[in-house]
Every structure is written in C-alpha cells, then in structure tokens.
Amino acid sequence: MKHSNIDFNKISQVLSNTIEAVKEDQNLSSVAIEQLQTAQNELQQAMTFSISSVHKKIGY
C-alpha cells in the first residue's frame, strides 16, 4: 500500500472542534457525540500505527 501524507493534527483538531460544537447543540443526540469520539479514538490508533511504521522503516 502506498503511504500518503496525512495531516493527523489537522484532522484531530477538526474532530475536537466538531465534538465541542455538537455538545453545545442540545438538539443532537448523544449517539452523534459517541460516533465522533469513536472516530477520534480511531484517529489516535492510526497516528500510533503511522509513527510505528515510520520508526520500523528507519530502524528505531
């Protein structure tokens, strides 16, 4: 699989901002917040995997 440059920090910031906006909107369900938090956790796992893959390639 070809590795692409992904701006994990930007994605993380957008997810965090979206979660805060959803929390402020009283009309949205808790399911939406749970799904966004799940996405945030999956993003964290992807960042960890990406970092570990880079370290393996360079021999750390």
N, C-alpha and C. Protein backbone atom coordinates (compact mmCIF):
# COMPACT_ATOMS: atom_id res chain seq x y z
N MET A 1 0.84 -1.17 0.00
CA MET A 1 0.00 0.00 0.00
C MET A 1 0.89 1.24 0.00
N LYS A 2 0.53 2.19 -0.83
CA LYS A 2 1.29 3.43 -0.91
C LYS A 2 0.98 4.31 0.28
N HIS A 3 2.03 4.84 0.90
CA HIS A 3 1.86 5.71 2.07
C HIS A 3 1.60 7.13 1.59
N SER A 4 0.61 7.77 2.13
CA SER A 4 0.33 9.15 1.77
C SER A 4 0.56 10.04 2.98
N ASN A 5 0.78 11.30 2.70
CA ASN A 5 0.96 12.26 3.78
C ASN A 5 -0.41 12.68 4.30
N ILE A 6 -0.64 12.39 5.56
CA ILE A 6 -1.91 12.73 6.19
C ILE A 6 -1.61 13.69 7.33
N ASP A 7 -2.36 14.77 7.37
CA ASP A 7 -2.18 15.75 8.44
C ASP A 7 -3.05 15.34 9.63
N PHE A 8 -2.50 14.44 10.45
CA PHE A 8 -3.25 13.92 11.60
C PHE A 8 -3.62 15.03 12.57
N ASN A 9 -2.74 16.00 12.74
CA ASN A 9 -3.03 17.08 13.68
C ASN A 9 -4.23 17.90 13.24
N LYS A 10 -4.32 18.18 11.94
CA LYS A 10 -5.45 18.95 11.43
C LYS A 10 -6.74 18.16 11.60
N ILE A 11 -6.71 16.88 11.29
CA ILE A 11 -7.90 16.03 11.44
C ILE A 11 -8.31 15.98 12.90
N SER A 12 -7.35 15.83 13.79
CA SER A 12 -7.63 15.78 15.22
C SER A 12 -8.27 17.08 15.71
N GLN A 13 -7.74 18.19 15.25
CA GLN A 13 -8.28 19.49 15.66
C GLN A 13 -9.71 19.66 15.16
N VAL A 14 -9.98 19.27 13.92
CA VAL A 14 -11.33 19.38 13.38
C VAL A 14 -12.29 18.48 14.15
N LEU A 15 -11.87 17.26 14.47
CA LEU A 15 -12.72 16.36 15.25
C LEU A 15 -13.04 16.95 16.62
N SER A 16 -12.02 17.48 17.28
CA SER A 16 -12.23 18.08 18.60
C SER A 16 -13.19 19.26 18.54
N ASN A 17 -13.00 20.12 17.54
CA ASN A 17 -13.89 21.27 17.37
C ASN A 17 -15.32 20.82 17.07
N THR A 18 -15.46 19.79 16.26
CA THR A 18 -16.79 19.28 15.93
C THR A 18 -17.47 18.69 17.15
N ILE A 19 -16.72 17.94 17.95
CA ILE A 19 -17.28 17.36 19.18
C ILE A 19 -17.78 18.47 20.09
N GLU A 20 -17.01 19.52 20.25
CA GLU A 20 -17.43 20.63 21.12
C GLU A 20 -18.68 21.31 20.56
N ALA A 21 -18.73 21.50 19.24
CA ALA A 21 -19.91 22.12 18.63
C ALA A 21 -21.14 21.25 18.81
N VAL A 22 -20.99 19.95 18.66
CA VAL A 22 -22.12 19.03 18.82
C VAL A 22 -22.59 19.02 20.27
N LYS A 23 -21.65 19.08 21.21
CA LYS A 23 -22.04 19.10 22.63
C LYS A 23 -22.85 20.35 22.96
N GLU A 24 -22.54 21.46 22.30
CA GLU A 24 -23.25 22.72 22.56
C GLU A 24 -24.65 22.71 21.95
N ASP A 25 -24.87 21.92 20.92
CA ASP A 25 -26.18 21.85 20.28
C ASP A 25 -27.04 20.84 21.02
N GLN A 26 -27.99 21.33 21.76
CA GLN A 26 -28.82 20.48 22.61
C GLN A 26 -29.74 19.57 21.81
N ASN A 27 -29.95 19.87 20.52
CA ASN A 27 -30.89 19.09 19.71
C ASN A 27 -30.27 17.81 19.15
N LEU A 28 -28.97 17.67 19.21
CA LEU A 28 -28.33 16.49 18.65
C LEU A 28 -28.22 15.39 19.71
N SER A 29 -28.27 14.17 19.24
CA SER A 29 -28.28 13.03 20.16
C SER A 29 -26.88 12.72 20.68
N SER A 30 -26.84 11.97 21.75
CA SER A 30 -25.56 11.54 22.31
C SER A 30 -24.88 10.54 21.38
N VAL A 31 -25.64 9.91 20.49
CA VAL A 31 -25.07 8.97 19.53
C VAL A 31 -24.08 9.68 18.62
N ALA A 32 -24.41 10.89 18.21
CA ALA A 32 -23.51 11.67 17.35
C ALA A 32 -22.19 11.93 18.06
N ILE A 33 -22.25 12.29 19.32
CA ILE A 33 -21.03 12.54 20.09
C ILE A 33 -20.23 11.26 20.26
N GLU A 34 -20.91 10.16 20.54
CA GLU A 34 -20.23 8.87 20.68
C GLU A 34 -19.52 8.48 19.39
N GLN A 35 -20.17 8.71 18.25
CA GLN A 35 -19.56 8.36 16.97
C GLN A 35 -18.34 9.23 16.68
N LEU A 36 -18.43 10.50 17.03
CA LEU A 36 -17.28 11.39 16.84
C LEU A 36 -16.12 10.99 17.77
N GLN A 37 -16.44 10.61 18.99
CA GLN A 37 -15.41 10.19 19.92
C GLN A 37 -14.77 8.88 19.46
N THR A 38 -15.56 7.99 18.87
CA THR A 38 -15.02 6.76 18.30
C THR A 38 -14.07 7.10 17.16
N ALA A 39 -14.47 8.04 16.33
CA ALA A 39 -13.60 8.47 15.22
C ALA A 39 -12.30 9.06 15.77
N GLN A 40 -12.39 9.80 16.86
CA GLN A 40 -11.20 10.38 17.47
C GLN A 40 -10.27 9.27 17.99
N ASN A 41 -10.83 8.25 18.59
CA ASN A 41 -10.03 7.13 19.08
C ASN A 41 -9.37 6.38 17.93
N GLU A 42 -10.11 6.19 16.85
CA GLU A 42 -9.55 5.51 15.68
C GLU A 42 -8.45 6.34 15.03
N LEU A 43 -8.61 7.65 15.04
CA LEU A 43 -7.56 8.53 14.53
C LEU A 43 -6.29 8.37 15.37
N GLN A 44 -6.44 8.29 16.68
CA GLN A 44 -5.30 8.10 17.57
C GLN A 44 -4.58 6.79 17.24
N GLN A 45 -5.35 5.74 17.00
CA GLN A 45 -4.75 4.46 16.64
C GLN A 45 -4.01 4.56 15.30
N ALA A 46 -4.60 5.27 14.36
CA ALA A 46 -3.95 5.45 13.05
C ALA A 46 -2.65 6.23 13.19
N MET A 47 -2.66 7.26 14.04
CA MET A 47 -1.43 8.04 14.25
C MET A 47 -0.34 7.16 14.87
N THR A 48 -0.72 6.36 15.84
CA THR A 48 0.23 5.47 16.50
C THR A 48 0.80 4.47 15.51
N PHE A 49 -0.06 3.89 14.69
CA PHE A 49 0.38 2.94 13.68
C PHE A 49 1.33 3.61 12.68
N SER A 50 0.98 4.81 12.26
CA SER A 50 1.79 5.53 11.29
C SER A 50 3.18 5.83 11.86
N ILE A 51 3.23 6.26 13.10
CA ILE A 51 4.51 6.56 13.74
C ILE A 51 5.34 5.30 13.89
N SER A 52 4.71 4.20 14.31
CA SER A 52 5.46 2.95 14.49
C SER A 52 5.96 2.43 13.14
N SER A 53 5.19 2.63 12.08
CA SER A 53 5.63 2.20 10.75
C SER A 53 6.84 2.98 10.28
N VAL A 54 6.84 4.27 10.55
CA VAL A 54 7.98 5.12 10.17
C VAL A 54 9.21 4.69 10.93
N HIS A 55 9.07 4.41 12.22
CA HIS A 55 10.21 4.00 13.04
C HIS A 55 10.76 2.67 12.58
N LYS A 56 9.90 1.76 12.16
CA LYS A 56 10.38 0.47 11.66
C LYS A 56 11.19 0.65 10.38
N LYS A 57 10.74 1.57 9.52
CA LYS A 57 11.43 1.80 8.25
C LYS A 57 12.82 2.39 8.45
N ILE A 58 12.97 3.25 9.47
CA ILE A 58 14.26 3.89 9.68
C ILE A 58 15.11 3.18 10.73
N GLY A 59 14.59 2.12 11.29
CA GLY A 59 15.37 1.28 12.18
C GLY A 59 15.38 1.65 13.64
N TYR A 60 14.36 2.37 14.13
CA TYR A 60 14.30 2.67 15.57
C TYR A 60 13.70 1.51 16.32
